[in-house]
C-alpha atoms as a PDB file:
ATOM      1  CA  GLN A   1      -7.421  14.939  13.261  1.00  0.00           C
ATOM      2  CA  VAL A   2      -8.279  13.591   9.943  1.00  0.00           C
ATOM      3  CA  GLN A   3     -11.460  14.196   8.288  1.00  0.00           C
ATOM      4  CA  LEU A   4     -12.393  12.124   5.322  1.00  0.00           C
ATOM      5  CA  VAL A   5     -15.651  13.214   3.348  1.00  0.00           C
ATOM      6  CA  GLU A   6     -17.417  11.107   0.341  1.00  0.00           C
ATOM      7  CA  SER A   7     -19.106  11.992  -2.281  1.00  0.00           C
ATOM      8  CA  GLY A   8     -20.352  10.963  -5.577  1.00  0.00           C
ATOM      9  CA  GLY A   9     -22.885   7.996  -4.610  1.00  0.00           C
ATOM     10  CA  GLY A  10     -26.187   7.700  -6.154  1.00  0.00           C
ATOM     11  CA  LEU A  11     -28.563   5.477  -8.130  1.00  0.00           C
ATOM     12  CA  VAL A  12     -27.339   3.439 -11.233  1.00  0.00           C
ATOM     13  CA  GLN A  13     -28.576   1.239 -13.354  1.00  0.00           C
ATOM     14  CA  ALA A  14     -26.864  -2.383 -13.809  1.00  0.00           C
ATOM     15  CA  GLY A  15     -23.867  -1.894 -16.075  1.00  0.00           C
ATOM     16  CA  GLY A  16     -23.274   1.754 -15.518  1.00  0.00           C
ATOM     17  CA  SER A  17     -20.649   3.445 -14.000  1.00  0.00           C
ATOM     18  CA  LEU A  18     -20.249   5.824 -11.039  1.00  0.00           C
ATOM     19  CA  ARG A  19     -17.178   7.667  -9.511  1.00  0.00           C
ATOM     20  CA  LEU A  20     -17.014   7.973  -5.893  1.00  0.00           C
ATOM     21  CA  SER A  21     -14.226  10.866  -4.463  1.00  0.00           C
ATOM     22  CA  CYS A  22     -13.007  10.916  -0.991  1.00  0.00           C
ATOM     23  CA  ALA A  23     -11.550  14.387   0.177  1.00  0.00           C
ATOM     24  CA  ALA A  24      -9.132  14.552   3.154  1.00  0.00           C
ATOM     25  CA  SER A  25      -8.294  16.977   5.372  1.00  0.00           C
ATOM     26  CA  GLY A  26      -6.328  17.971   8.668  1.00  0.00           C
ATOM     27  CA  ARG A  27      -3.011  16.462   8.055  1.00  0.00           C
ATOM     28  CA  THR A  28      -0.720  15.096   5.002  1.00  0.00           C
ATOM     29  CA  PHE A  29      -0.947  11.634   3.445  1.00  0.00           C
ATOM     30  CA  SER A  30       1.926  10.884   2.036  1.00  0.00           C
ATOM     31  CA  SER A  31       2.297   7.810   4.288  1.00  0.00           C
ATOM     32  CA  TYR A  32      -0.817   6.656   4.615  1.00  0.00           C
ATOM     33  CA  THR A  33      -2.803   4.080   2.690  1.00  0.00           C
ATOM     34  CA  MET A  34      -6.191   5.146   1.688  1.00  0.00           C
ATOM     35  CA  GLY A  35      -8.960   2.442   1.417  1.00  0.00           C
ATOM     36  CA  TRP A  36     -12.634   1.947   0.216  1.00  0.00           C
ATOM     37  CA  PHE A  37     -14.713  -0.181   2.141  1.00  0.00           C
ATOM     38  CA  ARG A  38     -18.520  -0.966   1.549  1.00  0.00           C
ATOM     39  CA  GLN A  39     -21.236  -1.897   3.562  1.00  0.00           C
ATOM     40  CA  ALA A  40     -24.877  -3.644   2.453  1.00  0.00           C
ATOM     41  CA  PRO A  41     -27.695  -3.855   4.851  1.00  0.00           C
ATOM     42  CA  GLY A  42     -27.362  -6.867   7.060  1.00  0.00           C
ATOM     43  CA  LYS A  43     -24.172  -7.573   5.975  1.00  0.00           C
ATOM     44  CA  GLU A  44     -20.411  -6.945   7.710  1.00  0.00           C
ATOM     45  CA  ARG A  45     -17.979  -4.181   6.130  1.00  0.00           C
ATOM     46  CA  GLU A  46     -16.170  -5.455   3.069  1.00  0.00           C
ATOM     47  CA  PHE A  47     -12.878  -4.278   1.834  1.00  0.00           C
ATOM     48  CA  VAL A  48     -13.125  -2.796  -1.530  1.00  0.00           C
ATOM     49  CA  ALA A  49      -9.962  -1.313  -2.580  1.00  0.00           C
ATOM     50  CA  ALA A  50      -6.872   0.337  -1.729  1.00  0.00           C
ATOM     51  CA  ILE A  51      -4.099   2.907  -2.665  1.00  0.00           C
ATOM     52  CA  SER A  52      -0.609   3.818  -1.202  1.00  0.00           C
ATOM     53  CA  TRP A  53      -0.442   7.709  -1.085  1.00  0.00           C
ATOM     54  CA  ASN A  54       3.250   7.971  -2.198  1.00  0.00           C
ATOM     55  CA  SER A  55       3.577   5.100  -4.845  1.00  0.00           C
ATOM     56  CA  GLY A  56       0.226   4.830  -6.152  1.00  0.00           C
ATOM     57  CA  ASN A  57       0.337   0.853  -5.859  1.00  0.00           C
ATOM     58  CA  THR A  58      -3.336  -0.617  -5.640  1.00  0.00           C
ATOM     59  CA  TYR A  59      -4.976  -3.732  -4.446  1.00  0.00           C
ATOM     60  CA  TYR A  60      -8.393  -4.822  -5.258  1.00  0.00           C
ATOM     61  CA  ALA A  61     -10.703  -7.275  -3.255  1.00  0.00           C
ATOM     62  CA  ASP A  62     -11.710 -10.163  -5.809  1.00  0.00           C
ATOM     63  CA  SER A  63     -15.193  -9.113  -6.490  1.00  0.00           C
ATOM     64  CA  VAL A  64     -14.330  -5.896  -7.833  1.00  0.00           C
ATOM     65  CA  LYS A  65     -10.976  -6.467  -9.841  1.00  0.00           C
ATOM     66  CA  GLY A  66     -11.016  -5.542 -13.165  1.00  0.00           C
ATOM     67  CA  ARG A  67     -14.276  -3.261 -12.771  1.00  0.00           C
ATOM     68  CA  PHE A  68     -13.364  -0.681 -10.110  1.00  0.00           C
ATOM     69  CA  THR A  69      -9.967   1.485 -10.425  1.00  0.00           C
ATOM     70  CA  ILE A  70      -9.029   3.356  -7.238  1.00  0.00           C
ATOM     71  CA  SER A  71      -6.707   6.490  -8.118  1.00  0.00           C
ATOM     72  CA  ARG A  72      -5.493   9.462  -5.969  1.00  0.00           C
ATOM     73  CA  ASP A  73      -4.239  12.965  -6.268  1.00  0.00           C
ATOM     74  CA  ASN A  74      -1.774  13.652  -3.581  1.00  0.00           C
ATOM     75  CA  ALA A  75      -1.675  17.534  -4.347  1.00  0.00           C
ATOM     76  CA  LYS A  76      -5.678  17.427  -3.622  1.00  0.00           C
ATOM     77  CA  ASN A  77      -5.527  14.882  -1.005  1.00  0.00           C
ATOM     78  CA  THR A  78      -8.438  13.116  -2.734  1.00  0.00           C
ATOM     79  CA  VAL A  79      -9.052   9.440  -3.723  1.00  0.00           C
ATOM     80  CA  TYR A  80     -11.375   8.111  -6.281  1.00  0.00           C
ATOM     81  CA  LEU A  81     -12.948   5.364  -6.854  1.00  0.00           C
ATOM     82  CA  GLN A  82     -14.078   4.633 -10.436  1.00  0.00           C
ATOM     83  CA  MET A  83     -16.709   1.737 -10.724  1.00  0.00           C
ATOM     84  CA  ASP A  84     -17.587   0.183 -13.995  1.00  0.00           C
ATOM     85  CA  SER A  85     -20.151  -2.472 -14.789  1.00  0.00           C
ATOM     86  CA  LEU A  86     -22.019  -2.156 -11.719  1.00  0.00           C
ATOM     87  CA  LYS A  87     -23.889  -4.680 -10.518  1.00  0.00           C
ATOM     88  CA  PRO A  88     -26.552  -4.764  -8.068  1.00  0.00           C
ATOM     89  CA  GLU A  89     -24.468  -6.838  -5.275  1.00  0.00           C
ATOM     90  CA  ASP A  90     -22.239  -3.556  -5.182  1.00  0.00           C
ATOM     91  CA  THR A  91     -25.483  -1.801  -3.593  1.00  0.00           C
ATOM     92  CA  ALA A  92     -24.136  -0.587  -0.367  1.00  0.00           C
ATOM     93  CA  VAL A  93     -22.789   2.393   1.749  1.00  0.00           C
ATOM     94  CA  TYR A  94     -19.288   3.140   0.638  1.00  0.00           C
ATOM     95  CA  TYR A  95     -17.070   4.422   3.135  1.00  0.00           C
ATOM     96  CA  CYS A  96     -13.451   5.842   2.591  1.00  0.00           C
ATOM     97  CA  ALA A  97     -10.450   5.057   5.345  1.00  0.00           C
ATOM     98  CA  ALA A  98      -7.143   6.046   5.759  1.00  0.00           C
ATOM     99  CA  GLY A  99      -4.331   4.251   7.699  1.00  0.00           C
ATOM    100  CA  ARG A 100      -0.652   3.954   8.248  1.00  0.00           C
ATOM    101  CA  VAL A 101      -0.235   0.134   7.262  1.00  0.00           C
ATOM    102  CA  TYR A 102       0.622  -0.417   3.500  1.00  0.00           C
ATOM    103  CA  LEU A 103      -2.126  -2.005   1.215  1.00  0.00           C
ATOM    104  CA  VAL A 104      -4.079  -4.104   3.889  1.00  0.00           C
ATOM    105  CA  ARG A 105      -7.848  -4.930   4.074  1.00  0.00           C
ATOM    106  CA  GLU A 106      -8.594  -5.368   7.577  1.00  0.00           C
ATOM    107  CA  SER A 107     -10.510  -2.519   8.697  1.00  0.00           C
ATOM    108  CA  ARG A 108      -9.019  -2.324  12.058  1.00  0.00           C
ATOM    109  CA  PHE A 109      -5.891  -1.077  10.595  1.00  0.00           C
ATOM    110  CA  TYR A 110      -7.486   2.033   9.200  1.00  0.00           C
ATOM    111  CA  ASP A 111      -7.775   5.026  11.702  1.00  0.00           C
ATOM    112  CA  TYR A 112      -9.893   7.670  10.313  1.00  0.00           C
ATOM    113  CA  TRP A 113     -13.446   6.963   8.380  1.00  0.00           C
ATOM    114  CA  GLY A 114     -15.692   8.841   6.565  1.00  0.00           C
ATOM    115  CA  GLN A 115     -19.541   8.636   6.971  1.00  0.00           C
ATOM    116  CA  GLY A 116     -20.244   7.231   3.775  1.00  0.00           C
ATOM    117  CA  THR A 117     -21.905   7.691   0.656  1.00  0.00           C
ATOM    118  CA  GLN A 118     -24.911   5.471  -0.738  1.00  0.00           C
ATOM    119  CA  VAL A 119     -24.489   3.602  -4.145  1.00  0.00           C
ATOM    120  CA  THR A 120     -27.372   1.786  -5.738  1.00  0.00           C
ATOM    121  CA  VAL A 121     -27.580  -0.216  -8.573  1.00  0.00           C
ATOM    122  CA  SER A 122     -30.788  -1.034  -9.736  1.00  0.00           C
ATOM    123  CA  SER A 123     -31.413  -4.448 -12.295  1.00  0.00           C
END
């Protein structure tokens, strides 16, 4: 079983930056896609970004492209989400996920999920 633990959430002012981390354990991830999702109160879970463990190729939601950067360190089994130019609408619980399908945005293709970390952006 794969375990994912997010960290790095917190409160930041609009225009500020925050970096989230996701530490993975239990299995190797060389053939996995790692993704970040978020869910705001009363809203559906939303895809944010994904990265391939082996290639490093990335895929972003239009809403965060140019502001967020996903990266990974395979040796540490850790994926990061650098969030810049944050907006109040970025406020959500952010979840890390792992799946076996290459760079997909649909949550149903992700097999493992972390418990989330809260990101709050004030105006």
